[in-house]
Amino acid sequence: FQIIISVRDGVKAIPENTYDVLTSIGAGTVQKFWNV
């Protein structure tokens, strides 16, 4: 449960615009996961 809450909060804290660069170069879901 500590991992669940920590990971959830950590992921939610990532700004959405962080993914914009990868989206603009056509990166897929897996690439976004590994890089961001």
Full PDB file with SEQRES, HELIX, SHEET, SSBOND, CRYST1, ORIGX, SCALE, CONECT and MASTER records, all heavy atoms in Angstrom:
SEQRES   1 A   36  PHE GLN ILE ILE ILE SER VAL ARG ASP GLY VAL LYS ALA          
SEQRES   2 A   36  ILE PRO GLU ASN THR TYR ASP VAL LEU THR SER ILE GLY          
SEQRES   3 A   36  ALA GLY THR VAL GLN LYS PHE TRP ASN VAL                      
HELIX    1 AA1 GLN A    2  LYS A   12  1                                  11    
HELIX    2 AA2 GLU A   16  TYR A   19  5                                   4    
HELIX    3 AA3 ASP A   20  SER A   24  1                                   5    
HELIX    4 AA4 THR A   29  ASN A   35  1                                   7    
CRYST1    1.000    1.000    1.000  90.00  90.00  90.00 P 1           1          
ORIGX1      1.000000  0.000000  0.000000        0.00000                         
ORIGX2      0.000000  1.000000  0.000000        0.00000                         
ORIGX3      0.000000  0.000000  1.000000        0.00000                         
SCALE1      1.000000  0.000000  0.000000        0.00000                         
SCALE2      0.000000  1.000000  0.000000        0.00000                         
SCALE3      0.000000  0.000000  1.000000        0.00000                         
ATOM      1  N   PHE A   1       0.816  -1.206   0.000  1.00  0.00           N  
ATOM      2  CA  PHE A   1       0.000   0.000   0.000  1.00  0.00           C  
ATOM      3  C   PHE A   1       0.854   1.263   0.000  1.00  0.00           C  
ATOM      4  O   PHE A   1       0.478   2.277  -0.591  1.00  0.00           O  
ATOM      5  CB  PHE A   1      -0.953  -0.024   1.198  1.00  0.00           C  
ATOM      6  CG  PHE A   1      -2.003  -1.096   1.102  1.00  0.00           C  
ATOM      7  CD1 PHE A   1      -1.822  -2.325   1.716  1.00  0.00           C  
ATOM      8  CD2 PHE A   1      -3.157  -0.881   0.365  1.00  0.00           C  
ATOM      9  CE1 PHE A   1      -2.785  -3.312   1.615  1.00  0.00           C  
ATOM     10  CE2 PHE A   1      -4.125  -1.861   0.257  1.00  0.00           C  
ATOM     11  CZ  PHE A   1      -3.938  -3.086   0.882  1.00  0.00           C  
ATOM     12  N   GLN A   2       2.002   1.200   0.654  1.00  0.00           N  
ATOM     13  CA  GLN A   2       2.891   2.360   0.623  1.00  0.00           C  
ATOM     14  C   GLN A   2       3.423   2.598  -0.779  1.00  0.00           C  
ATOM     15  O   GLN A   2       3.564   3.751  -1.206  1.00  0.00           O  
ATOM     16  CB  GLN A   2       4.029   2.149   1.614  1.00  0.00           C  
ATOM     17  CG  GLN A   2       3.554   2.014   3.053  1.00  0.00           C  
ATOM     18  CD  GLN A   2       4.699   1.780   4.022  1.00  0.00           C  
ATOM     19  OE1 GLN A   2       5.673   2.513   4.028  1.00  0.00           O  
ATOM     20  NE2 GLN A   2       4.582   0.761   4.857  1.00  0.00           N  
ATOM     21  N   ILE A   3       3.736   1.521  -1.496  1.00  0.00           N  
ATOM     22  CA  ILE A   3       4.212   1.656  -2.878  1.00  0.00           C  
ATOM     23  C   ILE A   3       3.109   2.192  -3.769  1.00  0.00           C  
ATOM     24  O   ILE A   3       3.341   3.082  -4.604  1.00  0.00           O  
ATOM     25  CB  ILE A   3       4.731   0.297  -3.402  1.00  0.00           C  
ATOM     26  CG1 ILE A   3       6.015  -0.089  -2.667  1.00  0.00           C  
ATOM     27  CG2 ILE A   3       4.993   0.361  -4.910  1.00  0.00           C  
ATOM     28  CD1 ILE A   3       6.546  -1.458  -3.025  1.00  0.00           C  
ATOM     29  N   ILE A   4       1.891   1.677  -3.608  1.00  0.00           N  
ATOM     30  CA  ILE A   4       0.765   2.149  -4.425  1.00  0.00           C  
ATOM     31  C   ILE A   4       0.574   3.650  -4.265  1.00  0.00           C  
ATOM     32  O   ILE A   4       0.494   4.399  -5.251  1.00  0.00           O  
ATOM     33  CB  ILE A   4      -0.534   1.410  -4.043  1.00  0.00           C  
ATOM     34  CG1 ILE A   4      -0.469  -0.052  -4.485  1.00  0.00           C  
ATOM     35  CG2 ILE A   4      -1.753   2.091  -4.687  1.00  0.00           C  
ATOM     36  CD1 ILE A   4      -1.655  -0.887  -4.015  1.00  0.00           C  
ATOM     37  N   ILE A   5       0.495   4.113  -3.021  1.00  0.00           N  
ATOM     38  CA  ILE A   5       0.251   5.537  -2.761  1.00  0.00           C  
ATOM     39  C   ILE A   5       1.420   6.389  -3.248  1.00  0.00           C  
ATOM     40  O   ILE A   5       1.224   7.455  -3.866  1.00  0.00           O  
ATOM     41  CB  ILE A   5      -0.009   5.760  -1.261  1.00  0.00           C  
ATOM     42  CG1 ILE A   5      -1.315   5.083  -0.845  1.00  0.00           C  
ATOM     43  CG2 ILE A   5      -0.067   7.252  -0.943  1.00  0.00           C  
ATOM     44  CD1 ILE A   5      -1.595   5.110   0.640  1.00  0.00           C  
ATOM     45  N   SER A   6       2.647   5.929  -3.003  1.00  0.00           N  
ATOM     46  CA  SER A   6       3.822   6.702  -3.411  1.00  0.00           C  
ATOM     47  C   SER A   6       3.920   6.809  -4.926  1.00  0.00           C  
ATOM     48  O   SER A   6       4.190   7.893  -5.463  1.00  0.00           O  
ATOM     49  CB  SER A   6       5.090   6.065  -2.838  1.00  0.00           C  
ATOM     50  OG  SER A   6       5.082   6.081  -1.443  1.00  0.00           O  
ATOM     51  N   VAL A   7       3.706   5.687  -5.620  1.00  0.00           N  
ATOM     52  CA  VAL A   7       3.784   5.697  -7.087  1.00  0.00           C  
ATOM     53  C   VAL A   7       2.668   6.553  -7.667  1.00  0.00           C  
ATOM     54  O   VAL A   7       2.892   7.356  -8.580  1.00  0.00           O  
ATOM     55  CB  VAL A   7       3.715   4.261  -7.641  1.00  0.00           C  
ATOM     56  CG1 VAL A   7       3.580   4.277  -9.160  1.00  0.00           C  
ATOM     57  CG2 VAL A   7       4.949   3.480  -7.237  1.00  0.00           C  
ATOM     58  N   ARG A   8       1.465   6.400  -7.149  1.00  0.00           N  
ATOM     59  CA  ARG A   8       0.341   7.203  -7.647  1.00  0.00           C  
ATOM     60  C   ARG A   8       0.629   8.691  -7.499  1.00  0.00           C  
ATOM     61  O   ARG A   8       0.467   9.474  -8.447  1.00  0.00           O  
ATOM     62  CB  ARG A   8      -0.926   6.849  -6.894  1.00  0.00           C  
ATOM     63  CG  ARG A   8      -2.175   7.574  -7.408  1.00  0.00           C  
ATOM     64  CD  ARG A   8      -3.238   7.684  -6.348  1.00  0.00           C  
ATOM     65  NE  ARG A   8      -2.746   8.442  -5.193  1.00  0.00           N  
ATOM     66  CZ  ARG A   8      -3.475   8.669  -4.106  1.00  0.00           C  
ATOM     67  NH1 ARG A   8      -4.694   8.171  -4.018  1.00  0.00           N  
ATOM     68  NH2 ARG A   8      -2.980   9.367  -3.104  1.00  0.00           N  
ATOM     69  N   ASP A   9       1.068   9.092  -6.309  1.00  0.00           N  
ATOM     70  CA  ASP A   9       1.349  10.515  -6.068  1.00  0.00           C  
ATOM     71  C   ASP A   9       2.524  10.993  -6.906  1.00  0.00           C  
ATOM     72  O   ASP A   9       2.527  12.137  -7.391  1.00  0.00           O  
ATOM     73  CB  ASP A   9       1.621  10.749  -4.580  1.00  0.00           C  
ATOM     74  CG  ASP A   9       0.393  10.526  -3.719  1.00  0.00           C  
ATOM     75  OD1 ASP A   9      -0.730  10.447  -4.287  1.00  0.00           O  
ATOM     76  OD2 ASP A   9       0.535  10.412  -2.484  1.00  0.00           O  
ATOM     77  N   GLY A  10       3.534  10.123  -7.073  1.00  0.00           N  
ATOM     78  CA  GLY A  10       4.685  10.497  -7.885  1.00  0.00           C  
ATOM     79  C   GLY A  10       4.322  10.694  -9.339  1.00  0.00           C  
ATOM     80  O   GLY A  10       4.791  11.630  -9.992  1.00  0.00           O  
ATOM     81  N   VAL A  11       3.461   9.825  -9.873  1.00  0.00           N  
ATOM     82  CA  VAL A  11       3.040   9.927 -11.271  1.00  0.00           C  
ATOM     83  C   VAL A  11       2.145  11.147 -11.475  1.00  0.00           C  
ATOM     84  O   VAL A  11       2.274  11.878 -12.464  1.00  0.00           O  
ATOM     85  CB  VAL A  11       2.303   8.642 -11.708  1.00  0.00           C  
ATOM     86  CG1 VAL A  11       1.673   8.818 -13.084  1.00  0.00           C  
ATOM     87  CG2 VAL A  11       3.272   7.469 -11.720  1.00  0.00           C  
ATOM     88  N   LYS A  12       1.239  11.387 -10.526  1.00  0.00           N  
ATOM     89  CA  LYS A  12       0.339  12.535 -10.642  1.00  0.00           C  
ATOM     90  C   LYS A  12       1.092  13.858 -10.544  1.00  0.00           C  
ATOM     91  O   LYS A  12       0.629  14.884 -11.052  1.00  0.00           O  
ATOM     92  CB  LYS A  12      -0.743  12.471  -9.557  1.00  0.00           C  
ATOM     93  CG  LYS A  12      -1.765  11.356  -9.786  1.00  0.00           C  
ATOM     94  CD  LYS A  12      -2.733  11.243  -8.631  1.00  0.00           C  
ATOM     95  CE  LYS A  12      -3.675  12.419  -8.571  1.00  0.00           C  
ATOM     96  NZ  LYS A  12      -4.712  12.243  -7.517  1.00  0.00           N  
ATOM     97  N   ALA A  13       2.254  13.836  -9.886  1.00  0.00           N  
ATOM     98  CA  ALA A  13       3.035  15.062  -9.726  1.00  0.00           C  
ATOM     99  C   ALA A  13       3.821  15.429 -10.981  1.00  0.00           C  
ATOM    100  O   ALA A  13       4.346  16.542 -11.080  1.00  0.00           O  
ATOM    101  CB  ALA A  13       3.995  14.913  -8.549  1.00  0.00           C  
ATOM    102  N   ILE A  14       3.897  14.504 -11.954  1.00  0.00           N  
ATOM    103  CA  ILE A  14       4.612  14.787 -13.205  1.00  0.00           C  
ATOM    104  C   ILE A  14       3.755  15.727 -14.055  1.00  0.00           C  
ATOM    105  O   ILE A  14       2.621  15.393 -14.401  1.00  0.00           O  
ATOM    106  CB  ILE A  14       4.893  13.489 -13.992  1.00  0.00           C  
ATOM    107  CG1 ILE A  14       5.750  12.534 -13.163  1.00  0.00           C  
ATOM    108  CG2 ILE A  14       5.592  13.802 -15.314  1.00  0.00           C  
ATOM    109  CD1 ILE A  14       5.941  11.169 -13.811  1.00  0.00           C  
ATOM    110  N   PRO A  15       4.256  16.899 -14.394  1.00  0.00           N  
ATOM    111  CA  PRO A  15       3.474  17.828 -15.221  1.00  0.00           C  
ATOM    112  C   PRO A  15       3.132  17.211 -16.579  1.00  0.00           C  
ATOM    113  O   PRO A  15       3.969  16.530 -17.187  1.00  0.00           O  
ATOM    114  CB  PRO A  15       4.406  19.038 -15.379  1.00  0.00           C  
ATOM    115  CG  PRO A  15       5.399  18.913 -14.260  1.00  0.00           C  
ATOM    116  CD  PRO A  15       5.564  17.441 -14.021  1.00  0.00           C  
ATOM    117  N   GLU A  16       1.934  17.462 -17.036  1.00  0.00           N  
ATOM    118  CA  GLU A  16       1.488  16.892 -18.308  1.00  0.00           C  
ATOM    119  C   GLU A  16       2.341  17.372 -19.475  1.00  0.00           C  
ATOM    120  O   GLU A  16       2.563  16.635 -20.448  1.00  0.00           O  
ATOM    121  CB  GLU A  16       0.017  17.247 -18.557  1.00  0.00           C  
ATOM    122  CG  GLU A  16      -0.974  16.436 -17.740  1.00  0.00           C  
ATOM    123  CD  GLU A  16      -0.918  14.953 -18.072  1.00  0.00           C  
ATOM    124  OE1 GLU A  16      -0.704  14.605 -19.244  1.00  0.00           O  
ATOM    125  OE2 GLU A  16      -1.066  14.139 -17.142  1.00  0.00           O  
ATOM    126  N   ASN A  17       2.854  18.616 -19.387  1.00  0.00           N  
ATOM    127  CA  ASN A  17       3.657  19.125 -20.510  1.00  0.00           C  
ATOM    128  C   ASN A  17       4.997  18.412 -20.642  1.00  0.00           C  
ATOM    129  O   ASN A  17       5.707  18.590 -21.627  1.00  0.00           O  
ATOM    130  CB  ASN A  17       3.862  20.632 -20.387  1.00  0.00           C  
ATOM    131  CG  ASN A  17       4.517  21.034 -19.075  1.00  0.00           C  
ATOM    132  OD1 ASN A  17       5.098  20.201 -18.373  1.00  0.00           O  
ATOM    133  ND2 ASN A  17       4.428  22.315 -18.735  1.00  0.00           N  
ATOM    134  N   THR A  18       5.361  17.603 -19.615  1.00  0.00           N  
ATOM    135  CA  THR A  18       6.596  16.820 -19.706  1.00  0.00           C  
ATOM    136  C   THR A  18       6.503  15.806 -20.836  1.00  0.00           C  
ATOM    137  O   THR A  18       7.521  15.452 -21.453  1.00  0.00           O  
ATOM    138  CB  THR A  18       6.867  16.086 -18.373  1.00  0.00           C  
ATOM    139  OG1 THR A  18       6.799  17.010 -17.297  1.00  0.00           O  
ATOM    140  CG2 THR A  18       8.235  15.434 -18.381  1.00  0.00           C  
ATOM    141  N   TYR A  19       5.299  15.338 -21.109  1.00  0.00           N  
ATOM    142  CA  TYR A  19       5.097  14.348 -22.167  1.00  0.00           C  
ATOM    143  C   TYR A  19       5.024  14.973 -23.554  1.00  0.00           C  
ATOM    144  O   TYR A  19       5.046  14.256 -24.554  1.00  0.00           O  
ATOM    145  CB  TYR A  19       3.805  13.562 -21.911  1.00  0.00           C  
ATOM    146  CG  TYR A  19       3.815  12.730 -20.649  1.00  0.00           C  
ATOM    147  CD1 TYR A  19       3.339  13.256 -19.448  1.00  0.00           C  
ATOM    148  CD2 TYR A  19       4.293  11.426 -20.643  1.00  0.00           C  
ATOM    149  CE1 TYR A  19       3.343  12.506 -18.280  1.00  0.00           C  
ATOM    150  CE2 TYR A  19       4.291  10.670 -19.476  1.00  0.00           C  
ATOM    151  CZ  TYR A  19       3.822  11.217 -18.294  1.00  0.00           C  
ATOM    152  OH  TYR A  19       3.816  10.472 -17.147  1.00  0.00           O  
ATOM    153  N   ASP A  20       4.901  16.316 -23.630  1.00  0.00           N  
ATOM    154  CA  ASP A  20       4.657  16.961 -24.918  1.00  0.00           C  
ATOM    155  C   ASP A  20       5.789  16.745 -25.916  1.00  0.00           C  
ATOM    156  O   ASP A  20       5.555  16.539 -27.113  1.00  0.00           O  
ATOM    157  CB  ASP A  20       4.422  18.464 -24.713  1.00  0.00           C  
ATOM    158  CG  ASP A  20       3.114  18.745 -23.977  1.00  0.00           C  
ATOM    159  OD1 ASP A  20       2.279  17.814 -23.898  1.00  0.00           O  
ATOM    160  OD2 ASP A  20       2.933  19.879 -23.492  1.00  0.00           O  
ATOM    161  N   VAL A  21       7.043  16.795 -25.406  1.00  0.00           N  
ATOM    162  CA  VAL A  21       8.189  16.628 -26.315  1.00  0.00           C  
ATOM    163  C   VAL A  21       8.165  15.244 -26.962  1.00  0.00           C  
ATOM    164  O   VAL A  21       8.365  15.109 -28.180  1.00  0.00           O  
ATOM    165  CB  VAL A  21       9.516  16.837 -25.556  1.00  0.00           C  
ATOM    166  CG1 VAL A  21      10.702  16.552 -26.467  1.00  0.00           C  
ATOM    167  CG2 VAL A  21       9.593  18.246 -24.993  1.00  0.00           C  
ATOM    168  N   LEU A  22       7.900  14.212 -26.158  1.00  0.00           N  
ATOM    169  CA  LEU A  22       7.851  12.851 -26.700  1.00  0.00           C  
ATOM    170  C   LEU A  22       6.666  12.680 -27.636  1.00  0.00           C  
ATOM    171  O   LEU A  22       6.768  11.974 -28.651  1.00  0.00           O  
ATOM    172  CB  LEU A  22       7.770  11.840 -25.550  1.00  0.00           C  
ATOM    173  CG  LEU A  22       9.019  11.711 -24.680  1.00  0.00           C  
ATOM    174  CD1 LEU A  22       8.779  10.741 -23.531  1.00  0.00           C  
ATOM    175  CD2 LEU A  22      10.216  11.244 -25.499  1.00  0.00           C  
ATOM    176  N   THR A  23       5.555  13.320 -27.302  1.00  0.00           N  
ATOM    177  CA  THR A  23       4.377  13.237 -28.180  1.00  0.00           C  
ATOM    178  C   THR A  23       4.669  13.872 -29.526  1.00  0.00           C  
ATOM    179  O   THR A  23       4.263  13.357 -30.583  1.00  0.00           O  
ATOM    180  CB  THR A  23       3.175  13.934 -27.519  1.00  0.00           C  
ATOM    181  OG1 THR A  23       2.918  13.336 -26.248  1.00  0.00           O  
ATOM    182  CG2 THR A  23       1.927  13.801 -28.396  1.00  0.00           C  
ATOM    183  N   SER A  24       5.398  14.982 -29.501  1.00  0.00           N  
ATOM    184  CA  SER A  24       5.688  15.709 -30.747  1.00  0.00           C  
ATOM    185  C   SER A  24       6.593  14.926 -31.688  1.00  0.00           C  
ATOM    186  O   SER A  24       6.571  15.153 -32.906  1.00  0.00           O  
ATOM    187  CB  SER A  24       6.331  17.069 -30.422  1.00  0.00           C  
ATOM    188  OG  SER A  24       7.603  16.880 -29.809  1.00  0.00           O  
ATOM    189  N   ILE A  25       7.393  14.010 -31.138  1.00  0.00           N  
ATOM    190  CA  ILE A  25       8.271  13.208 -32.013  1.00  0.00           C  
ATOM    191  C   ILE A  25       7.678  11.828 -32.286  1.00  0.00           C  
ATOM    192  O   ILE A  25       8.353  10.941 -32.794  1.00  0.00           O  
ATOM    193  CB  ILE A  25       9.675  13.076 -31.413  1.00  0.00           C  
ATOM    194  CG1 ILE A  25       9.625  12.364 -30.049  1.00  0.00           C  
ATOM    195  CG2 ILE A  25      10.340  14.435 -31.283  1.00  0.00           C  
ATOM    196  CD1 ILE A  25      11.000  12.086 -29.451  1.00  0.00           C  
ATOM    197  N   GLY A  26       6.411  11.657 -31.899  1.00  0.00           N  
ATOM    198  CA  GLY A  26       5.710  10.417 -32.216  1.00  0.00           C  
ATOM    199  C   GLY A  26       6.003   9.260 -31.289  1.00  0.00           C  
ATOM    200  O   GLY A  26       5.823   8.090 -31.681  1.00  0.00           O  
ATOM    201  N   ALA A  27       6.430   9.523 -30.091  1.00  0.00           N  
ATOM    202  CA  ALA A  27       6.722   8.449 -29.133  1.00  0.00           C  
ATOM    203  C   ALA A  27       5.435   7.759 -28.699  1.00  0.00           C  
ATOM    204  O   ALA A  27       4.395   8.397 -28.536  1.00  0.00           O  
ATOM    205  CB  ALA A  27       7.447   9.011 -27.921  1.00  0.00           C  
ATOM    206  N   GLY A  28       5.535   6.451 -28.494  1.00  0.00           N  
ATOM    207  CA  GLY A  28       4.380   5.676 -28.065  1.00  0.00           C  
ATOM    208  C   GLY A  28       4.241   5.651 -26.554  1.00  0.00           C  
ATOM    209  O   GLY A  28       5.039   6.239 -25.825  1.00  0.00           O  
ATOM    210  N   THR A  29       3.249   4.915 -26.090  1.00  0.00           N  
ATOM    211  CA  THR A  29       2.969   4.827 -24.649  1.00  0.00           C  
ATOM    212  C   THR A  29       4.132   4.198 -23.889  1.00  0.00           C  
ATOM    213  O   THR A  29       4.492   4.653 -22.797  1.00  0.00           O  
ATOM    214  CB  THR A  29       1.688   4.002 -24.413  1.00  0.00           C  
ATOM    215  OG1 THR A  29       0.607   4.580 -25.144  1.00  0.00           O  
ATOM    216  CG2 THR A  29       1.337   3.964 -22.942  1.00  0.00           C  
ATOM    217  N   VAL A  30       4.715   3.139 -24.472  1.00  0.00           N  
ATOM    218  CA  VAL A  30       5.822   2.453 -23.806  1.00  0.00           C  
ATOM    219  C   VAL A  30       7.027   3.380 -23.668  1.00  0.00           C  
ATOM    220  O   VAL A  30       7.676   3.426 -22.618  1.00  0.00           O  
ATOM    221  CB  VAL A  30       6.211   1.175 -24.576  1.00  0.00           C  
ATOM    222  CG1 VAL A  30       7.441   0.526 -23.936  1.00  0.00           C  
ATOM    223  CG2 VAL A  30       5.051   0.197 -24.604  1.00  0.00           C  
ATOM    224  N   GLN A  31       7.324   4.134 -24.712  1.00  0.00           N  
ATOM    225  CA  GLN A  31       8.459   5.062 -24.665  1.00  0.00           C  
ATOM    226  C   GLN A  31       8.228   6.171 -23.639  1.00  0.00           C  
ATOM    227  O   GLN A  31       9.154   6.581 -22.933  1.00  0.00           O  
ATOM    228  CB  GLN A  31       8.687   5.663 -26.056  1.00  0.00           C  
ATOM    229  CG  GLN A  31       9.223   4.654 -27.074  1.00  0.00           C  
ATOM    230  CD  GLN A  31       9.277   5.233 -28.477  1.00  0.00           C  
ATOM    231  OE1 GLN A  31       8.294   5.819 -28.955  1.00  0.00           O  
ATOM    232  NE2 GLN A  31      10.405   5.078 -29.142  1.00  0.00           N  
ATOM    233  N   LYS A  32       7.002   6.657 -23.538  1.00  0.00           N  
ATOM    234  CA  LYS A  32       6.675   7.675 -22.534  1.00  0.00           C  
ATOM    235  C   LYS A  32       6.836   7.103 -21.127  1.00  0.00           C  
ATOM    236  O   LYS A  32       7.297   7.784 -20.214  1.00  0.00           O  
ATOM    237  CB  LYS A  32       5.246   8.173 -22.727  1.00  0.00           C  
ATOM    238  CG  LYS A  32       5.044   8.979 -23.999  1.00  0.00           C  
ATOM    239  CD  LYS A  32       3.587   9.407 -24.143  1.00  0.00           C  
ATOM    240  CE  LYS A  32       3.383  10.186 -25.427  1.00  0.00           C  
ATOM    241  NZ  LYS A  32       1.969  10.595 -25.615  1.00  0.00           N  
ATOM    242  N   PHE A  33       6.455   5.835 -20.993  1.00  0.00           N  
ATOM    243  CA  PHE A  33       6.569   5.193 -19.680  1.00  0.00           C  
ATOM    244  C   PHE A  33       8.026   5.092 -19.260  1.00  0.00           C  
ATOM    245  O   PHE A  33       8.383   5.461 -18.131  1.00  0.00           O  
ATOM    246  CB  PHE A  33       5.937   3.798 -19.729  1.00  0.00           C  
ATOM    247  CG  PHE A  33       6.223   2.965 -18.513  1.00  0.00           C  
ATOM    248  CD1 PHE A  33       5.528   3.165 -17.336  1.00  0.00           C  
ATOM    249  CD2 PHE A  33       7.196   1.961 -18.541  1.00  0.00           C  
ATOM    250  CE1 PHE A  33       5.786   2.409 -16.199  1.00  0.00           C  
ATOM    251  CE2 PHE A  33       7.457   1.196 -17.421  1.00  0.00           C  
ATOM    252  CZ  PHE A  33       6.747   1.417 -16.246  1.00  0.00           C  
ATOM    253  N   TRP A  34       8.898   4.591 -20.159  1.00  0.00           N  
ATOM    254  CA  TRP A  34      10.299   4.365 -19.799  1.00  0.00           C  
ATOM    255  C   TRP A  34      11.077   5.664 -19.640  1.00  0.00           C  
ATOM    256  O   TRP A  34      12.032   5.731 -18.862  1.00  0.00           O  
ATOM    257  CB  TRP A  34      10.977   3.503 -20.862  1.00  0.00           C  
ATOM    258  CG  TRP A  34      10.646   2.054 -20.744  1.00  0.00           C  
ATOM    259  CD1 TRP A  34       9.889   1.306 -21.597  1.00  0.00           C  
ATOM    260  CD2 TRP A  34      11.042   1.162 -19.694  1.00  0.00           C  
ATOM    261  NE1 TRP A  34       9.775   0.010 -21.145  1.00  0.00           N  
ATOM    262  CE2 TRP A  34      10.478  -0.108 -19.978  1.00  0.00           C  
ATOM    263  CE3 TRP A  34      11.803   1.318 -18.538  1.00  0.00           C  
ATOM    264  CZ2 TRP A  34      10.656  -1.206 -19.148  1.00  0.00           C  
ATOM    265  CZ3 TRP A  34      11.983   0.220 -17.711  1.00  0.00           C  
ATOM    266  CH2 TRP A  34      11.412  -1.023 -18.025  1.00  0.00           C  
ATOM    267  N   ASN A  35      10.705   6.695 -20.368  1.00  0.00           N  
ATOM    268  CA  ASN A  35      11.487   7.933 -20.364  1.00  0.00           C  
ATOM    269  C   ASN A  35      10.961   9.019 -19.435  1.00  0.00           C  
ATOM    270  O   ASN A  35      11.721   9.923 -19.067  1.00  0.00           O  
ATOM    271  CB  ASN A  35      11.574   8.498 -21.783  1.00  0.00           C  
ATOM    272  CG  ASN A  35      12.409   7.640 -22.710  1.00  0.00           C  
ATOM    273  OD1 ASN A  35      13.634   7.655 -22.657  1.00  0.00           O  
ATOM    274  ND2 ASN A  35      11.752   6.857 -23.555  1.00  0.00           N  
ATOM    275  N   VAL A  36       9.696   8.927 -19.046  1.00  0.00           N  
ATOM    276  CA  VAL A  36       9.124   9.977 -18.197  1.00  0.00           C  
ATOM    277  C   VAL A  36       8.469   9.410 -16.941  1.00  0.00           C  
ATOM    278  O   VAL A  36       8.838   9.752 -15.814  1.00  0.00           O  
ATOM    279  CB  VAL A  36       8.092  10.826 -18.978  1.00  0.00           C  
ATOM    280  CG1 VAL A  36       7.468  11.863 -18.039  1.00  0.00           C  
ATOM    281  CG2 VAL A  36       8.748  11.507 -20.157  1.00  0.00           C  
TER     282      VAL A  36                                                      
MASTER        0    0    0    4    0    0    0    6  281    1    0    3          
END                                                                             
